Amino acid sequence: METNLVHIAKPLMDDLCDALNETISLEIFSGANTVLAYLSKGPHRTNLAGNVGDILSVHAAAGAKAILAFSPPEVTGRILRGPFPALTPNTITDPKELRRQFQEIRRHGLSFDGEEHDIGTNAMGAPIFDSSGKPLAALVVVGPRNRVQRKYDSPIALQLRETSAKISRLLYYNPEDSNVE
């Protein structure tokens, strides 16, 4: 599935990268973390997103948060035992605060990393669902804090949600057949 997911997501990610002029990453859930599976690098000279194969912290990465927010309670319960290390002064380390964030993510369909993983870098993530409604990955826009902001109705947010929904549909996800909000 992971190989097919990258193959399916790549052209849509590249189109989103071109439309937004920002780096787009694909994070795939890997049991206790997420793995950076593909990057469509934006035109800016700075490397903000890491490299394919990087393992990302489940409590600080936007993609991981998007996936966990829609995961079954037994999965989030297993992962959110904490404590979590502070990667920056902004990193959420309290499992209760992460659970509160998950409610907001489910409500808006978007997650945020506000300089939690790297100072100066923000990220916005949206889940990708498989045919059974399971969140298996997330699409993430990564950029400097002045360009990627916590705005649910921004052009970035709208296009990110739309693209992650397209990828989910290509994986035969139908929200009407699922109990995902």
Protein backbone atom coordinates (compact mmCIF):
# COMPACT_ATOMS: atom_id res chain seq x y z
CA MET A 1 0.00 0.00 0.00
CA GLU A 2 2.82 2.44 0.86
CA THR A 3 4.40 2.04 -2.57
CA ASN A 4 1.04 2.51 -4.26
CA LEU A 5 0.28 5.50 -2.05
CA VAL A 6 3.44 7.33 -3.08
CA HIS A 7 2.74 6.49 -6.73
CA ILE A 8 -0.85 7.76 -6.42
CA ALA A 9 -0.02 10.83 -4.34
CA LYS A 10 3.07 12.05 -6.21
CA PRO A 11 1.40 13.84 -9.16
CA LEU A 12 -1.18 15.48 -6.91
CA MET A 13 1.52 16.55 -4.47
CA ASP A 14 3.62 18.00 -7.27
CA ASP A 15 0.59 19.94 -8.54
CA LEU A 16 -0.10 21.26 -5.03
CA CYS A 17 3.55 22.26 -4.66
CA ASP A 18 3.34 24.19 -7.94
CA ALA A 19 0.07 25.86 -6.92
CA LEU A 20 1.25 26.90 -3.45
CA ASN A 21 4.97 27.41 -4.09
CA GLU A 22 5.62 25.54 -0.83
CA THR A 23 7.15 22.18 0.04
CA ILE A 24 4.65 19.32 0.31
CA SER A 25 5.45 16.15 2.20
CA LEU A 26 3.77 12.79 2.60
CA GLU A 27 3.97 11.23 6.06
CA ILE A 28 3.04 7.58 6.44
CA PHE A 29 2.05 6.14 9.81
CA SER A 30 4.50 3.54 11.02
CA GLY A 31 3.20 2.19 14.32
CA ALA A 32 4.62 4.74 16.75
CA ASN A 33 5.93 7.47 14.43
CA THR A 34 5.52 8.73 10.93
CA VAL A 35 8.01 8.33 8.12
CA LEU A 36 8.61 10.93 5.46
CA ALA A 37 7.72 8.95 2.32
CA TYR A 38 7.87 11.61 -0.40
CA LEU A 39 8.78 15.29 -0.75
CA SER A 40 7.78 17.70 -3.44
CA LYS A 41 10.19 20.54 -2.75
CA GLY A 42 9.03 24.08 -3.29
CA PRO A 43 11.04 26.69 -5.17
CA HIS A 44 12.52 28.30 -2.07
CA ARG A 45 16.20 27.68 -1.33
CA THR A 46 15.85 26.64 2.29
CA ASN A 47 15.26 22.97 3.11
CA LEU A 48 12.46 22.97 5.67
CA ALA A 49 11.07 19.47 5.48
CA GLY A 50 13.89 16.99 6.01
CA ASN A 51 14.57 14.03 3.76
CA VAL A 52 12.69 10.99 2.53
CA GLY A 53 13.07 8.24 5.11
CA ASP A 54 13.24 10.59 8.10
CA ILE A 55 11.29 9.43 11.14
CA LEU A 56 9.17 12.20 12.63
CA SER A 57 8.08 12.62 16.22
CA VAL A 58 4.46 11.64 16.62
CA HIS A 59 3.72 14.43 19.12
CA ALA A 60 5.25 17.28 17.11
CA ALA A 61 4.76 16.57 13.39
CA ALA A 62 1.66 17.95 11.67
CA GLY A 63 1.15 14.79 9.63
CA ALA A 64 1.38 12.51 12.65
CA LYS A 65 -1.14 14.64 14.52
CA ALA A 66 -3.56 14.52 11.55
CA ILE A 67 -3.29 10.74 11.45
CA LEU A 68 -3.61 10.21 15.20
CA ALA A 69 -6.59 12.53 15.53
CA PHE A 70 -8.61 10.20 13.29
CA SER A 71 -7.15 6.93 14.60
CA PRO A 72 -9.11 4.56 16.83
CA PRO A 73 -8.90 5.24 20.60
CA GLU A 74 -6.80 2.12 21.19
CA VAL A 75 -4.12 3.46 18.82
CA THR A 76 -4.04 6.95 20.30
CA GLY A 77 -4.16 5.52 23.82
CA ARG A 78 -1.12 3.35 23.12
CA ILE A 79 0.87 6.21 21.62
CA LEU A 80 -0.17 9.02 23.94
CA ARG A 81 1.29 7.58 27.09
CA GLY A 82 4.07 10.19 27.08
CA PRO A 83 6.02 11.87 28.39
CA PHE A 84 7.24 13.44 25.20
CA PRO A 85 10.52 15.29 24.72
CA ALA A 86 10.45 19.00 23.96
CA LEU A 87 12.08 19.43 20.55
CA THR A 88 11.64 23.23 20.74
CA PRO A 89 10.12 25.54 23.37
CA ASN A 90 6.81 25.24 21.42
CA THR A 91 6.57 21.43 21.42
CA ILE A 92 3.43 20.03 23.05
CA THR A 93 4.64 17.48 25.61
CA ASP A 94 1.44 16.92 27.60
CA PRO A 95 -0.72 14.01 26.34
CA LYS A 96 -3.87 15.78 27.61
CA GLU A 97 -3.09 18.83 25.48
CA LEU A 98 -2.48 16.61 22.46
CA ARG A 99 -5.89 14.97 23.00
CA ARG A 100 -7.47 18.43 23.13
CA GLN A 101 -5.71 19.28 19.86
CA PHE A 102 -7.04 16.07 18.30
CA GLN A 103 -10.62 17.26 18.93
CA GLU A 104 -9.84 20.49 17.09
CA ILE A 105 -8.16 18.58 14.25
CA ARG A 106 -11.23 16.34 13.82
CA ARG A 107 -13.46 19.42 13.79
CA HIS A 108 -11.44 21.25 11.11
CA GLY A 109 -9.78 18.39 9.22
CA LEU A 110 -6.37 20.04 9.66
CA SER A 111 -3.47 19.79 12.07
CA PHE A 112 -0.72 22.27 12.79
CA ASP A 113 2.89 22.21 13.87
CA GLY A 114 3.62 25.75 15.08
CA GLU A 115 7.41 25.62 15.37
CA GLU A 116 7.05 22.45 17.45
CA HIS A 117 9.50 20.41 15.41
CA ASP A 118 11.83 23.18 14.21
CA ILE A 119 12.03 26.84 15.19
CA GLY A 120 10.99 29.08 12.30
CA THR A 121 9.09 26.30 10.50
CA ASN A 122 5.34 25.73 10.56
CA ALA A 123 3.45 22.86 8.99
CA MET A 124 -0.19 22.12 8.24
CA GLY A 125 -1.40 18.54 7.75
CA ALA A 126 -4.51 16.77 6.45
CA PRO A 127 -5.20 13.03 6.81
CA ILE A 128 -5.36 10.54 3.96
CA PHE A 129 -7.76 7.62 4.45
CA ASP A 130 -7.80 4.14 2.94
CA SER A 131 -10.91 2.34 1.69
CA SER A 132 -11.84 1.23 5.20
CA GLY A 133 -11.69 4.77 6.58
CA LYS A 134 -8.39 4.17 8.37
CA PRO A 135 -6.01 7.17 8.40
CA LEU A 136 -2.79 5.78 6.97
CA ALA A 137 -0.94 8.92 5.95
CA ALA A 138 -1.08 12.68 5.85
CA LEU A 139 -0.32 15.36 3.34
CA VAL A 140 1.65 18.25 4.83
CA VAL A 141 2.51 21.77 3.70
CA VAL A 142 5.80 22.91 5.25
CA GLY A 143 7.09 26.46 5.24
CA PRO A 144 8.36 29.36 7.25
CA ARG A 145 6.02 30.65 9.95
CA ASN A 146 5.26 33.84 8.02
CA ARG A 147 3.84 31.88 5.04
CA VAL A 148 2.27 28.78 6.63
CA GLN A 149 -0.05 30.02 9.35
CA ARG A 150 -2.76 28.54 11.56
CA LYS A 151 -5.70 29.66 9.41
CA TYR A 152 -8.38 27.08 8.68
CA ASP A 153 -9.82 29.06 5.78
CA SER A 154 -6.58 30.11 4.09
CA PRO A 155 -5.93 29.17 0.45
CA ILE A 156 -3.24 26.76 1.70
CA ALA A 157 -5.71 25.05 4.05
CA LEU A 158 -8.43 24.77 1.41
CA GLN A 159 -6.12 23.33 -1.25
CA LEU A 160 -4.46 20.97 1.23
CA ARG A 161 -7.81 19.54 2.35
CA GLU A 162 -8.95 19.21 -1.25
CA THR A 163 -5.80 17.38 -2.35
CA SER A 164 -5.78 14.98 0.61
CA ALA A 165 -9.45 14.20 -0.12
CA LYS A 166 -8.59 13.47 -3.78
CA ILE A 167 -5.83 11.08 -2.74
CA SER A 168 -8.18 9.37 -0.28
CA ARG A 169 -10.78 8.92 -3.04
CA LEU A 170 -8.11 7.41 -5.29
CA LEU A 171 -7.54 4.89 -2.47
CA TYR A 172 -11.29 4.12 -2.67
CA TYR A 173 -12.17 5.99 0.49
CA ASN A 174 -15.82 6.99 0.66
CA PRO A 175 -16.66 9.10 3.72
CA GLU A 176 -20.29 7.98 3.53
CA ASP A 177 -19.17 4.36 4.10
CA SER A 178 -16.97 5.30 7.03
CA ASN A 179 -17.50 6.41 10.59
CA VAL A 180 -14.82 9.08 10.22
CA GLU A 181 -16.13 12.60 10.83
